[in-house]
């Protein structure tokens, strides 16, 4: 017998096969943090690139850490790594904004939800 009010199950998109294991883990973390229906097929390329940039930024940060652990290091190499870090951060920021995944975008979307903003404990009932 069919229930009177069936619930539609929305599958979260799985990471594309071309992503590395690390990138796929980042994909699943982002997709898991958003409502199941948040990402449409048209966002997959942007989300894939976002995941690639996050992992690249992580690697650049590790290289910067290794350079800093050295007592004497090449300032030119260090400057190049810092510039790479700035570049990765800018790419990540653009992609997050494009997919409306920044904290500001998510909070604005929640306050526009049909239920209205969540009641704060100090608000009168």
PDB file of N, CA and C in Angstrom:
ATOM      1  N   UNK A   1       0.841  -1.176   0.000  1.00  0.00           N
ATOM      2  CA  UNK A   1       0.000   0.000   0.000  1.00  0.00           C
ATOM      3  C   UNK A   1       0.890   1.246   0.000  1.00  0.00           C
ATOM      4  N   UNK A   2       0.543   2.227  -0.844  1.00  0.00           N
ATOM      5  CA  UNK A   2       1.313   3.477  -0.953  1.00  0.00           C
ATOM      6  C   UNK A   2       0.917   4.416   0.184  1.00  0.00           C
ATOM      7  N   UNK A   3       1.878   5.066   0.795  1.00  0.00           N
ATOM      8  CA  UNK A   3       1.539   6.046   1.833  1.00  0.00           C
ATOM      9  C   UNK A   3       0.786   7.224   1.227  1.00  0.00           C
ATOM     10  N   UNK A   4      -0.004   7.907   2.058  1.00  0.00           N
ATOM     11  CA  UNK A   4      -0.783   9.052   1.600  1.00  0.00           C
ATOM     12  C   UNK A   4       0.113  10.218   1.194  1.00  0.00           C
ATOM     13  N   UNK A   5       1.244  10.362   1.843  1.00  0.00           N
ATOM     14  CA  UNK A   5       2.128  11.488   1.597  1.00  0.00           C
ATOM     15  C   UNK A   5       3.542  10.967   1.333  1.00  0.00           C
ATOM     16  N   UNK A   6       3.797  10.446   0.119  1.00  0.00           N
ATOM     17  CA  UNK A   6       5.134   9.888  -0.132  1.00  0.00           C
ATOM     18  C   UNK A   6       6.201  10.981  -0.111  1.00  0.00           C
ATOM     19  N   UNK A   7       7.367  10.603   0.368  1.00  0.00           N
ATOM     20  CA  UNK A   7       8.491  11.527   0.437  1.00  0.00           C
ATOM     21  C   UNK A   7       9.415  11.255  -0.740  1.00  0.00           C
ATOM     22  N   UNK A   8       9.795  12.311  -1.441  1.00  0.00           N
ATOM     23  CA  UNK A   8      10.715  12.158  -2.555  1.00  0.00           C
ATOM     24  C   UNK A   8      12.135  12.106  -2.005  1.00  0.00           C
ATOM     25  N   UNK A   9      12.880  11.114  -2.438  1.00  0.00           N
ATOM     26  CA  UNK A   9      14.270  10.987  -2.009  1.00  0.00           C
ATOM     27  C   UNK A   9      15.143  11.637  -3.071  1.00  0.00           C
ATOM     28  N   UNK A  10      15.939  12.610  -2.650  1.00  0.00           N
ATOM     29  CA  UNK A  10      16.836  13.316  -3.557  1.00  0.00           C
ATOM     30  C   UNK A  10      18.248  12.816  -3.302  1.00  0.00           C
ATOM     31  N   UNK A  11      18.856  12.254  -4.329  1.00  0.00           N
ATOM     32  CA  UNK A  11      20.221  11.750  -4.217  1.00  0.00           C
ATOM     33  C   UNK A  11      21.221  12.894  -4.352  1.00  0.00           C
ATOM     34  N   UNK A  12      22.203  12.902  -3.503  1.00  0.00           N
ATOM     35  CA  UNK A  12      23.277  13.887  -3.628  1.00  0.00           C
ATOM     36  C   UNK A  12      24.187  13.453  -4.771  1.00  0.00           C
ATOM     37  N   UNK A  13      24.692  14.404  -5.555  1.00  0.00           N
ATOM     38  CA  UNK A  13      25.562  14.027  -6.671  1.00  0.00           C
ATOM     39  C   UNK A  13      26.891  13.469  -6.180  1.00  0.00           C
ATOM     40  N   UNK A  14      27.315  12.377  -6.791  1.00  0.00           N
ATOM     41  CA  UNK A  14      28.597  11.783  -6.426  1.00  0.00           C
ATOM     42  C   UNK A  14      29.711  12.495  -7.184  1.00  0.00           C
ATOM     43  N   UNK A  15      30.882  12.429  -6.639  1.00  0.00           N
ATOM     44  CA  UNK A  15      32.044  13.100  -7.243  1.00  0.00           C
ATOM     45  C   UNK A  15      32.347  12.486  -8.610  1.00  0.00           C
ATOM     46  N   UNK A  16      32.712  13.329  -9.570  1.00  0.00           N
ATOM     47  CA  UNK A  16      33.096  12.811 -10.892  1.00  0.00           C
ATOM     48  C   UNK A  16      34.345  11.935 -10.794  1.00  0.00           C
ATOM     49  N   UNK A  17      34.438  10.982 -11.698  1.00  0.00           N
ATOM     50  CA  UNK A  17      35.558  10.034 -11.666  1.00  0.00           C
ATOM     51  C   UNK A  17      36.905  10.689 -11.948  1.00  0.00           C
ATOM     52  N   UNK A  18      36.907  11.831 -12.646  1.00  0.00           N
ATOM     53  CA  UNK A  18      38.196  12.445 -12.983  1.00  0.00           C
ATOM     54  C   UNK A  18      38.851  13.144 -11.798  1.00  0.00           C
ATOM     55  N   UNK A  19      38.160  13.297 -10.691  1.00  0.00           N
ATOM     56  CA  UNK A  19      38.758  13.907  -9.499  1.00  0.00           C
ATOM     57  C   UNK A  19      39.638  12.888  -8.789  1.00  0.00           C
ATOM     58  N   UNK A  20      40.708  13.370  -8.166  1.00  0.00           N
ATOM     59  CA  UNK A  20      41.553  12.493  -7.350  1.00  0.00           C
ATOM     60  C   UNK A  20      40.779  12.127  -6.087  1.00  0.00           C
ATOM     61  N   UNK A  21      41.317  11.205  -5.309  1.00  0.00           N
ATOM     62  CA  UNK A  21      40.645  10.805  -4.062  1.00  0.00           C
ATOM     63  C   UNK A  21      40.483  11.997  -3.115  1.00  0.00           C
ATOM     64  N   UNK A  22      41.547  12.807  -2.993  1.00  0.00           N
ATOM     65  CA  UNK A  22      41.476  13.991  -2.120  1.00  0.00           C
ATOM     66  C   UNK A  22      40.420  14.978  -2.603  1.00  0.00           C
ATOM     67  N   UNK A  23      40.395  15.212  -3.905  1.00  0.00           N
ATOM     68  CA  UNK A  23      39.425  16.144  -4.484  1.00  0.00           C
ATOM     69  C   UNK A  23      38.006  15.614  -4.318  1.00  0.00           C
ATOM     70  N   UNK A  24      37.834  14.304  -4.489  1.00  0.00           N
ATOM     71  CA  UNK A  24      36.515  13.688  -4.317  1.00  0.00           C
ATOM     72  C   UNK A  24      36.048  13.793  -2.863  1.00  0.00           C
ATOM     73  N   UNK A  25      36.976  13.670  -1.923  1.00  0.00           N
ATOM     74  CA  UNK A  25      36.619  13.850  -0.503  1.00  0.00           C
ATOM     75  C   UNK A  25      36.116  15.271  -0.262  1.00  0.00           C
ATOM     76  N   UNK A  26      36.779  16.245  -0.875  1.00  0.00           N
ATOM     77  CA  UNK A  26      36.347  17.643  -0.739  1.00  0.00           C
ATOM     78  C   UNK A  26      34.960  17.822  -1.364  1.00  0.00           C
ATOM     79  N   UNK A  27      34.741  17.234  -2.526  1.00  0.00           N
ATOM     80  CA  UNK A  27      33.425  17.269  -3.197  1.00  0.00           C
ATOM     81  C   UNK A  27      32.343  16.773  -2.241  1.00  0.00           C
ATOM     82  N   UNK A  28      32.569  15.585  -1.664  1.00  0.00           N
ATOM     83  CA  UNK A  28      31.564  14.987  -0.782  1.00  0.00           C
ATOM     84  C   UNK A  28      31.333  15.846   0.467  1.00  0.00           C
ATOM     85  N   UNK A  29      32.382  16.476   0.973  1.00  0.00           N
ATOM     86  CA  UNK A  29      32.228  17.341   2.147  1.00  0.00           C
ATOM     87  C   UNK A  29      31.351  18.547   1.810  1.00  0.00           C
ATOM     88  N   UNK A  30      31.582  19.158   0.645  1.00  0.00           N
ATOM     89  CA  UNK A  30      30.796  20.333   0.250  1.00  0.00           C
ATOM     90  C   UNK A  30      29.355  19.936  -0.041  1.00  0.00           C
ATOM     91  N   UNK A  31      29.174  18.889  -0.822  1.00  0.00           N
ATOM     92  CA  UNK A  31      27.823  18.440  -1.187  1.00  0.00           C
ATOM     93  C   UNK A  31      27.060  18.008   0.072  1.00  0.00           C
ATOM     94  N   UNK A  32      27.754  17.373   1.003  1.00  0.00           N
ATOM     95  CA  UNK A  32      27.116  16.927   2.240  1.00  0.00           C
ATOM     96  C   UNK A  32      26.724  18.061   3.170  1.00  0.00           C
ATOM     97  N   UNK A  33      27.373  19.201   3.032  1.00  0.00           N
ATOM     98  CA  UNK A  33      27.089  20.343   3.910  1.00  0.00           C
ATOM     99  C   UNK A  33      25.902  21.180   3.416  1.00  0.00           C
ATOM    100  N   UNK A  34      25.467  20.941   2.192  1.00  0.00           N
ATOM    101  CA  UNK A  34      24.377  21.718   1.611  1.00  0.00           C
ATOM    102  C   UNK A  34      23.126  20.853   1.500  1.00  0.00           C
ATOM    103  N   UNK A  35      21.953  21.491   1.327  1.00  0.00           N
ATOM    104  CA  UNK A  35      20.739  20.697   1.106  1.00  0.00           C
ATOM    105  C   UNK A  35      20.926  19.774  -0.109  1.00  0.00           C
ATOM    106  N   UNK A  36      20.287  18.624  -0.074  1.00  0.00           N
ATOM    107  CA  UNK A  36      20.479  17.606  -1.117  1.00  0.00           C
ATOM    108  C   UNK A  36      20.194  18.129  -2.520  1.00  0.00           C
ATOM    109  N   UNK A  37      19.288  19.064  -2.661  1.00  0.00           N
ATOM    110  CA  UNK A  37      18.914  19.561  -3.989  1.00  0.00           C
ATOM    111  C   UNK A  37      19.645  20.856  -4.367  1.00  0.00           C
ATOM    112  N   UNK A  38      20.676  21.231  -3.626  1.00  0.00           N
ATOM    113  CA  UNK A  38      21.352  22.502  -3.875  1.00  0.00           C
ATOM    114  C   UNK A  38      22.093  22.531  -5.211  1.00  0.00           C
ATOM    115  N   UNK A  39      22.789  21.446  -5.551  1.00  0.00           N
ATOM    116  CA  UNK A  39      23.620  21.439  -6.748  1.00  0.00           C
ATOM    117  C   UNK A  39      22.875  20.850  -7.932  1.00  0.00           C
ATOM    118  N   UNK A  40      22.842  21.617  -9.013  1.00  0.00           N
ATOM    119  CA  UNK A  40      22.279  21.094 -10.250  1.00  0.00           C
ATOM    120  C   UNK A  40      23.432  20.710 -11.164  1.00  0.00           C
ATOM    121  N   UNK A  41      23.137  19.971 -12.196  1.00  0.00           N
ATOM    122  CA  UNK A  41      24.155  19.462 -13.119  1.00  0.00           C
ATOM    123  C   UNK A  41      25.056  20.590 -13.645  1.00  0.00           C
ATOM    124  N   UNK A  42      24.494  21.746 -13.868  1.00  0.00           N
ATOM    125  CA  UNK A  42      25.257  22.866 -14.389  1.00  0.00           C
ATOM    126  C   UNK A  42      26.337  23.375 -13.450  1.00  0.00           C
ATOM    127  N   UNK A  43      26.270  23.028 -12.165  1.00  0.00           N
ATOM    128  CA  UNK A  43      27.278  23.452 -11.180  1.00  0.00           C
ATOM    129  C   UNK A  43      28.446  22.482 -11.054  1.00  0.00           C
ATOM    130  N   UNK A  44      28.339  21.304 -11.647  1.00  0.00           N
ATOM    131  CA  UNK A  44      29.337  20.263 -11.403  1.00  0.00           C
ATOM    132  C   UNK A  44      30.739  20.673 -11.853  1.00  0.00           C
ATOM    133  N   UNK A  45      30.863  21.344 -12.996  1.00  0.00           N
ATOM    134  CA  UNK A  45      32.193  21.751 -13.469  1.00  0.00           C
ATOM    135  C   UNK A  45      32.822  22.757 -12.506  1.00  0.00           C
ATOM    136  N   UNK A  46      32.011  23.714 -12.035  1.00  0.00           N
ATOM    137  CA  UNK A  46      32.524  24.701 -11.073  1.00  0.00           C
ATOM    138  C   UNK A  46      32.918  24.036  -9.769  1.00  0.00           C
ATOM    139  N   UNK A  47      32.077  23.119  -9.295  1.00  0.00           N
ATOM    140  CA  UNK A  47      32.378  22.431  -8.040  1.00  0.00           C
ATOM    141  C   UNK A  47      33.635  21.573  -8.186  1.00  0.00           C
ATOM    142  N   UNK A  48      33.807  20.933  -9.330  1.00  0.00           N
ATOM    143  CA  UNK A  48      35.029  20.150  -9.571  1.00  0.00           C
ATOM    144  C   UNK A  48      36.260  21.049  -9.510  1.00  0.00           C
ATOM    145  N   UNK A  49      36.192  22.193 -10.178  1.00  0.00           N
ATOM    146  CA  UNK A  49      37.321  23.121 -10.155  1.00  0.00           C
ATOM    147  C   UNK A  49      37.583  23.641  -8.748  1.00  0.00           C
ATOM    148  N   UNK A  50      36.521  23.933  -8.016  1.00  0.00           N
ATOM    149  CA  UNK A  50      36.671  24.368  -6.623  1.00  0.00           C
ATOM    150  C   UNK A  50      37.461  23.319  -5.830  1.00  0.00           C
ATOM    151  N   UNK A  51      37.076  22.059  -5.972  1.00  0.00           N
ATOM    152  CA  UNK A  51      37.751  20.987  -5.231  1.00  0.00           C
ATOM    153  C   UNK A  51      39.221  20.885  -5.626  1.00  0.00           C
ATOM    154  N   UNK A  52      39.504  21.047  -6.911  1.00  0.00           N
ATOM    155  CA  UNK A  52      40.901  21.020  -7.365  1.00  0.00           C
ATOM    156  C   UNK A  52      41.698  22.161  -6.743  1.00  0.00           C
ATOM    157  N   UNK A  53      41.109  23.343  -6.712  1.00  0.00           N
ATOM    158  CA  UNK A  53      41.816  24.504  -6.154  1.00  0.00           C
ATOM    159  C   UNK A  53      42.025  24.365  -4.650  1.00  0.00           C
ATOM    160  N   UNK A  54      41.065  23.794  -3.945  1.00  0.00           N
ATOM    161  CA  UNK A  54      41.226  23.591  -2.496  1.00  0.00           C
ATOM    162  C   UNK A  54      42.410  22.668  -2.224  1.00  0.00           C
ATOM    163  N   UNK A  55      42.516  21.593  -2.975  1.00  0.00           N
ATOM    164  CA  UNK A  55      43.631  20.659  -2.770  1.00  0.00           C
ATOM    165  C   UNK A  55      44.955  21.301  -3.177  1.00  0.00           C
ATOM    166  N   UNK A  56      44.953  22.055  -4.279  1.00  0.00           N
ATOM    167  CA  UNK A  56      46.171  22.766  -4.687  1.00  0.00           C
ATOM    168  C   UNK A  56      46.595  23.767  -3.618  1.00  0.00           C
ATOM    169  N   UNK A  57      45.637  24.492  -3.049  1.00  0.00           N
ATOM    170  CA  UNK A  57      45.941  25.459  -1.990  1.00  0.00           C
ATOM    171  C   UNK A  57      46.515  24.752  -0.766  1.00  0.00           C
ATOM    172  N   UNK A  58      45.988  23.599  -0.472  1.00  0.00           N
ATOM    173  CA  UNK A  58      46.494  22.819   0.666  1.00  0.00           C
ATOM    174  C   UNK A  58      47.951  22.416   0.426  1.00  0.00           C
ATOM    175  N   UNK A  59      48.257  22.019  -0.793  1.00  0.00           N
ATOM    176  CA  UNK A  59      49.633  21.630  -1.120  1.00  0.00           C
ATOM    177  C   UNK A  59      50.584  22.825  -1.066  1.00  0.00           C
ATOM    178  N   UNK A  60      50.136  23.960  -1.559  1.00  0.00           N
ATOM    179  CA  UNK A  60      50.958  25.168  -1.500  1.00  0.00           C
ATOM    180  C   UNK A  60      51.232  25.529  -0.037  1.00  0.00           C
ATOM    181  N   UNK A  61      50.215  25.420   0.808  1.00  0.00           N
ATOM    182  CA  UNK A  61      50.390  25.719   2.235  1.00  0.00           C
ATOM    183  C   UNK A  61      51.412  24.767   2.868  1.00  0.00           C
ATOM    184  N   UNK A  62      51.384  23.499   2.459  1.00  0.00           N
ATOM    185  CA  UNK A  62      52.371  22.543   2.972  1.00  0.00           C
ATOM    186  C   UNK A  62      53.780  22.930   2.532  1.00  0.00           C
ATOM    187  N   UNK A  63      53.923  23.351   1.279  1.00  0.00           N
ATOM    188  CA  UNK A  63      55.240  23.777   0.784  1.00  0.00           C
ATOM    189  C   UNK A  63      55.731  25.011   1.534  1.00  0.00           C
ATOM    190  N   UNK A  64      54.829  25.949   1.807  1.00  0.00           N
ATOM    191  CA  UNK A  64      55.205  27.140   2.574  1.00  0.00           C
ATOM    192  C   UNK A  64      55.677  26.728   3.970  1.00  0.00           C
ATOM    193  N   UNK A  65      54.974  25.791   4.570  1.00  0.00           N
ATOM    194  CA  UNK A  65      55.375  25.297   5.888  1.00  0.00           C
ATOM    195  C   UNK A  65      56.750  24.658   5.869  1.00  0.00           C
ATOM    196  N   UNK A  66      57.044  23.889   4.823  1.00  0.00           N
ATOM    197  CA  UNK A  66      58.358  23.257   4.694  1.00  0.00           C
ATOM    198  C   UNK A  66      59.465  24.305   4.550  1.00  0.00           C
ATOM    199  N   UNK A  67      59.199  25.332   3.756  1.00  0.00           N
ATOM    200  CA  UNK A  67      60.188  26.390   3.561  1.00  0.00           C
ATOM    201  C   UNK A  67      60.446  27.109   4.880  1.00  0.00           C
ATOM    202  N   UNK A  68      59.393  27.385   5.635  1.00  0.00           N
ATOM    203  CA  UNK A  68      59.547  28.098   6.905  1.00  0.00           C
ATOM    204  C   UNK A  68      60.304  27.276   7.938  1.00  0.00           C
ATOM    205  N   UNK A  69      60.208  25.936   7.833  1.00  0.00           N
ATOM    206  CA  UNK A  69      60.927  25.076   8.771  1.00  0.00           C
ATOM    207  C   UNK A  69      62.439  25.105   8.518  1.00  0.00           C
ATOM    208  N   UNK A  70      62.824  25.441   7.296  1.00  0.00           N
ATOM    209  CA  UNK A  70      64.246  25.530   6.974  1.00  0.00           C
ATOM    210  C   UNK A  70      64.822  26.775   7.650  1.00  0.00           C
ATOM    211  N   UNK A  71      65.997  26.655   8.150  1.00  0.00           N
ATOM    212  CA  UNK A  71      66.625  27.797   8.792  1.00  0.00           C
ATOM    213  C   UNK A  71      66.908  28.922   7.822  1.00  0.00           C
ATOM    214  N   UNK A  72      67.465  28.593   6.689  1.00  0.00           N
ATOM    215  CA  UNK A  72      67.821  29.588   5.673  1.00  0.00           C
ATOM    216  C   UNK A  72      67.086  29.192   4.395  1.00  0.00           C
ATOM    217  N   UNK A  73      66.288  30.099   3.849  1.00  0.00           N
ATOM    218  CA  UNK A  73      65.535  29.749   2.645  1.00  0.00           C
ATOM    219  C   UNK A  73      65.623  30.850   1.606  1.00  0.00           C
ATOM    220  N   UNK A  74      65.323  30.479   0.398  1.00  0.00           N
ATOM    221  CA  UNK A  74      65.370  31.375  -0.751  1.00  0.00           C
ATOM    222  C   UNK A  74      64.132  32.282  -0.731  1.00  0.00           C
ATOM    223  N   UNK A  75      64.349  33.573  -0.562  1.00  0.00           N
ATOM    224  CA  UNK A  75      63.234  34.526  -0.498  1.00  0.00           C
ATOM    225  C   UNK A  75      62.429  34.562  -1.795  1.00  0.00           C
ATOM    226  N   UNK A  76      63.102  34.356  -2.909  1.00  0.00           N
ATOM    227  CA  UNK A  76      62.420  34.367  -4.194  1.00  0.00           C
ATOM    228  C   UNK A  76      61.434  33.188  -4.288  1.00  0.00           C
ATOM    229  N   UNK A  77      61.901  32.020  -3.889  1.00  0.00           N
ATOM    230  CA  UNK A  77      61.050  30.827  -3.876  1.00  0.00           C
ATOM    231  C   UNK A  77      59.869  31.033  -2.914  1.00  0.00           C
ATOM    232  N   UNK A  78      60.179  31.589  -1.752  1.00  0.00           N
ATOM    233  CA  UNK A  78      59.131  31.831  -0.760  1.00  0.00           C
ATOM    234  C   UNK A  78      58.091  32.818  -1.299  1.00  0.00           C
ATOM    235  N   UNK A  79      58.552  33.881  -1.947  1.00  0.00           N
ATOM    236  CA  UNK A  79      57.640  34.862  -2.544  1.00  0.00           C
ATOM    237  C   UNK A  79      56.767  34.244  -3.617  1.00  0.00           C
ATOM    238  N   UNK A  80      57.361  33.352  -4.409  1.00  0.00           N
ATOM    239  CA  UNK A  80      56.586  32.674  -5.459  1.00  0.00           C
ATOM    240  C   UNK A  80      55.506  31.791  -4.842  1.00  0.00           C
ATOM    241  N   UNK A  81      55.829  31.104  -3.758  1.00  0.00           N
ATOM    242  CA  UNK A  81      54.835  30.270  -3.075  1.00  0.00           C
ATOM    243  C   UNK A  81      53.712  31.120  -2.482  1.00  0.00           C
ATOM    244  N   UNK A  82      54.081  32.253  -1.899  1.00  0.00           N
ATOM    245  CA  UNK A  82      53.053  33.143  -1.354  1.00  0.00           C
ATOM    246  C   UNK A  82      52.131  33.663  -2.459  1.00  0.00           C
ATOM    247  N   UNK A  83      52.705  33.961  -3.623  1.00  0.00           N
ATOM    248  CA  UNK A  83      51.892  34.416  -4.755  1.00  0.00           C
ATOM    249  C   UNK A  83      50.964  33.303  -5.236  1.00  0.00           C
ATOM    250  N   UNK A  84      51.465  32.069  -5.258  1.00  0.00           N
ATOM    251  CA  UNK A  84      50.609  30.933  -5.606  1.00  0.00           C
ATOM    252  C   UNK A  84      49.447  30.806  -4.625  1.00  0.00           C
ATOM    253  N   UNK A  85      49.737  31.035  -3.352  1.00  0.00           N
ATOM    254  CA  UNK A  85      48.693  30.952  -2.336  1.00  0.00           C
ATOM    255  C   UNK A  85      47.624  32.016  -2.566  1.00  0.00           C
ATOM    256  N   UNK A  86      48.040  33.214  -2.892  1.00  0.00           N
ATOM    257  CA  UNK A  86      47.097  34.301  -3.190  1.00  0.00           C
ATOM    258  C   UNK A  86      46.251  33.940  -4.406  1.00  0.00           C
ATOM    259  N   UNK A  87      46.875  33.387  -5.437  1.00  0.00           N
ATOM    260  CA  UNK A  87      46.167  33.005  -6.652  1.00  0.00           C
ATOM    261  C   UNK A  87      45.126  31.926  -6.373  1.00  0.00           C
ATOM    262  N   UNK A  88      45.496  30.920  -5.604  1.00  0.00           N
ATOM    263  CA  UNK A  88      44.558  29.845  -5.268  1.00  0.00           C
ATOM    264  C   UNK A  88      43.396  30.377  -4.426  1.00  0.00           C
ATOM    265  N   UNK A  89      43.704  31.250  -3.477  1.00  0.00           N
ATOM    266  CA  UNK A  89      42.653  31.829  -2.638  1.00  0.00           C
ATOM    267  C   UNK A  89      41.668  32.625  -3.476  1.00  0.00           C
ATOM    268  N   UNK A  90      42.167  33.393  -4.424  1.00  0.00           N
ATOM    269  CA  UNK A  90      41.293  34.183  -5.296  1.00  0.00           C
ATOM    270  C   UNK A  90      40.402  33.273  -6.138  1.00  0.00           C
ATOM    271  N   UNK A  91      40.974  32.195  -6.670  1.00  0.00           N
ATOM    272  CA  UNK A  91      40.181  31.260  -7.471  1.00  0.00           C
ATOM    273  C   UNK A  91      39.098  30.599  -6.624  1.00  0.00           C
ATOM    274  N   UNK A  92      39.459  30.184  -5.423  1.00  0.00           N
ATOM    275  CA  UNK A  92      38.493  29.551  -4.519  1.00  0.00           C
ATOM    276  C   UNK A  92      37.362  30.523  -4.195  1.00  0.00           C
ATOM    277  N   UNK A  93      37.707  31.749  -3.885  1.00  0.00           N
ATOM    278  CA  UNK A  93      36.709  32.767  -3.544  1.00  0.00           C
ATOM    279  C   UNK A  93      35.749  33.010  -4.707  1.00  0.00           C
ATOM    280  N   UNK A  94      36.297  33.147  -5.922  1.00  0.00           N
ATOM    281  CA  UNK A  94      35.438  33.375  -7.103  1.00  0.00           C
ATOM    282  C   UNK A  94      34.482  32.201  -7.315  1.00  0.00           C
ATOM    283  N   UNK A  95      34.984  30.981  -7.184  1.00  0.00           N
ATOM    284  CA  UNK A  95      34.142  29.812  -7.390  1.00  0.00           C
ATOM    285  C   UNK A  95      33.068  29.699  -6.309  1.00  0.00           C
ATOM    286  N   UNK A  96      33.436  29.962  -5.063  1.00  0.00           N
ATOM    287  CA  UNK A  96      32.448  29.931  -3.984  1.00  0.00           C
ATOM    288  C   UNK A  96      31.339  30.949  -4.222  1.00  0.00           C
ATOM    289  N   UNK A  97      31.720  32.151  -4.609  1.00  0.00           N
ATOM    290  CA  UNK A  97      30.724  33.183  -4.882  1.00  0.00           C
ATOM    291  C   UNK A  97      29.856  32.811  -6.068  1.00  0.00           C
ATOM    292  N   UNK A  98      30.476  32.274  -7.091  1.00  0.00           N
ATOM    293  CA  UNK A  98      29.743  31.893  -8.294  1.00  0.00           C
ATOM    294  C   UNK A  98      28.685  30.834  -7.992  1.00  0.00           C
ATOM    295  N   UNK A  99      29.011  29.911  -7.097  1.00  0.00           N
ATOM    296  CA  UNK A  99      28.058  28.852  -6.737  1.00  0.00           C
ATOM    297  C   UNK A  99      27.200  29.234  -5.529  1.00  0.00           C
ATOM    298  N   UNK A 100      27.375  30.448  -5.048  1.00  0.00           N
ATOM    299  CA  UNK A 100      26.645  30.946  -3.879  1.00  0.00           C
ATOM    300  C   UNK A 100      26.846  30.042  -2.654  1.00  0.00           C
ATOM    301  N   UNK A 101      28.112  29.772  -2.375  1.00  0.00           N
ATOM    302  CA  UNK A 101      28.463  28.924  -1.239  1.00  0.00           C
ATOM    303  C   UNK A 101      29.162  29.678  -0.124  1.00  0.00           C
ATOM    304  N   UNK A 102      29.301  30.990  -0.257  1.00  0.00           N
ATOM    305  CA  UNK A 102      29.916  31.746   0.830  1.00  0.00           C
ATOM    306  C   UNK A 102      28.959  31.781   2.010  1.00  0.00           C
ATOM    307  N   UNK A 103      29.480  32.041   3.173  1.00  0.00           N
ATOM    308  CA  UNK A 103      28.647  32.089   4.374  1.00  0.00           C
ATOM    309  C   UNK A 103      27.545  33.137   4.211  1.00  0.00           C
ATOM    310  N   UNK A 104      27.891  34.269   3.649  1.00  0.00           N
ATOM    311  CA  UNK A 104      26.912  35.339   3.452  1.00  0.00           C
ATOM    312  C   UNK A 104      25.779  34.885   2.532  1.00  0.00           C
ATOM    313  N   UNK A 105      26.105  34.198   1.446  1.00  0.00           N
ATOM    314  CA  UNK A 105      25.081  33.725   0.520  1.00  0.00           C
ATOM    315  C   UNK A 105      24.176  32.696   1.171  1.00  0.00           C
ATOM    316  N   UNK A 106      24.774  31.773   1.904  1.00  0.00           N
ATOM    317  CA  UNK A 106      23.997  30.719   2.549  1.00  0.00           C
ATOM    318  C   UNK A 106      23.076  31.311   3.610  1.00  0.00           C
ATOM    319  N   UNK A 107      23.576  32.253   4.412  1.00  0.00           N
ATOM    320  CA  UNK A 107      22.749  32.865   5.447  1.00  0.00           C
ATOM    321  C   UNK A 107      21.600  33.662   4.841  1.00  0.00           C
ATOM    322  N   UNK A 108      21.859  34.374   3.742  1.00  0.00           N
ATOM    323  CA  UNK A 108      20.792  35.118   3.079  1.00  0.00           C
ATOM    324  C   UNK A 108      19.735  34.175   2.544  1.00  0.00           C
ATOM    325  N   UNK A 109      20.160  33.045   1.971  1.00  0.00           N
ATOM    326  CA  UNK A 109      19.203  32.072   1.442  1.00  0.00           C
ATOM    327  C   UNK A 109      18.346  31.498   2.559  1.00  0.00           C
ATOM    328  N   UNK A 110      18.947  31.244   3.719  1.00  0.00           N
ATOM    329  CA  UNK A 110      18.192  30.690   4.843  1.00  0.00           C
ATOM    330  C   UNK A 110      17.154  31.679   5.363  1.00  0.00           C
ATOM    331  N   UNK A 111      17.484  32.959   5.374  1.00  0.00           N
ATOM    332  CA  UNK A 111      16.530  33.936   5.889  1.00  0.00           C
ATOM    333  C   UNK A 111      15.396  34.192   4.906  1.00  0.00           C
ATOM    334  N   UNK A 112      15.585  33.830   3.629  1.00  0.00           N
ATOM    335  CA  UNK A 112      14.525  33.977   2.641  1.00  0.00           C
ATOM    336  C   UNK A 112      13.688  32.717   2.514  1.00  0.00           C
ATOM    337  N   UNK A 113      13.984  31.718   3.319  1.00  0.00           N
ATOM    338  CA  UNK A 113      13.248  30.457   3.270  1.00  0.00           C
ATOM    339  C   UNK A 113      11.784  30.717   3.611  1.00  0.00           C
ATOM    340  N   UNK A 114      10.865  29.969   2.992  1.00  0.00           N
ATOM    341  CA  UNK A 114       9.435  30.196   3.241  1.00  0.00           C
ATOM    342  C   UNK A 114       9.039  30.163   4.720  1.00  0.00           C
ATOM    343  N   UNK A 115       9.776  29.431   5.527  1.00  0.00           N
ATOM    344  CA  UNK A 115       9.453  29.391   6.953  1.00  0.00           C
ATOM    345  C   UNK A 115       9.865  30.673   7.650  1.00  0.00           C
ATOM    346  N   UNK A 116      10.676  31.471   6.988  1.00  0.00           N
ATOM    347  CA  UNK A 116      11.173  32.695   7.603  1.00  0.00           C
ATOM    348  C   UNK A 116      12.432  32.404   8.393  1.00  0.00           C
ATOM    349  N   UNK A 117      13.044  33.447   8.922  1.00  0.00           N
ATOM    350  CA  UNK A 117      14.275  33.235   9.687  1.00  0.00           C
ATOM    351  C   UNK A 117      13.984  32.465  10.972  1.00  0.00           C
ATOM    352  N   UNK A 118      14.991  31.763  11.442  1.00  0.00           N
ATOM    353  CA  UNK A 118      14.834  30.999  12.680  1.00  0.00           C
ATOM    354  C   UNK A 118      14.594  31.948  13.845  1.00  0.00           C
ATOM    355  N   UNK A 119      13.770  31.501  14.798  1.00  0.00           N
ATOM    356  CA  UNK A 119      13.478  32.306  15.986  1.00  0.00           C
ATOM    357  C   UNK A 119      14.698  32.297  16.887  1.00  0.00           C
ATOM    358  N   UNK A 120      15.090  33.479  17.332  1.00  0.00           N
ATOM    359  CA  UNK A 120      16.230  33.599  18.242  1.00  0.00           C
ATOM    360  C   UNK A 120      15.719  33.459  19.675  1.00  0.00           C
ATOM    361  N   UNK A 121      16.510  32.890  20.562  1.00  0.00           N
ATOM    362  CA  UNK A 121      16.046  32.649  21.938  1.00  0.00           C
ATOM    363  C   UNK A 121      15.588  33.921  22.656  1.00  0.00           C
ATOM    364  N   UNK A 122      16.136  35.065  22.330  1.00  0.00           N
ATOM    365  CA  UNK A 122      15.797  36.296  23.027  1.00  0.00           C
ATOM    366  C   UNK A 122      14.595  37.019  22.420  1.00  0.00           C
ATOM    367  N   UNK A 123      14.099  36.534  21.268  1.00  0.00           N
ATOM    368  CA  UNK A 123      12.913  37.152  20.656  1.00  0.00           C
ATOM    369  C   UNK A 123      11.664  36.766  21.439  1.00  0.00           C
ATOM    370  N   UNK A 124      10.719  37.725  21.604  1.00  0.00           N
ATOM    371  CA  UNK A 124       9.470  37.358  22.270  1.00  0.00           C
ATOM    372  C   UNK A 124       8.660  36.399  21.415  1.00  0.00           C
ATOM    373  N   UNK A 125       7.888  35.543  22.074  1.00  0.00           N
ATOM    374  CA  UNK A 125       7.094  34.556  21.331  1.00  0.00           C
ATOM    375  C   UNK A 125       5.870  35.129  20.737  1.00  0.00           C
TER     376      UNK A 125
END
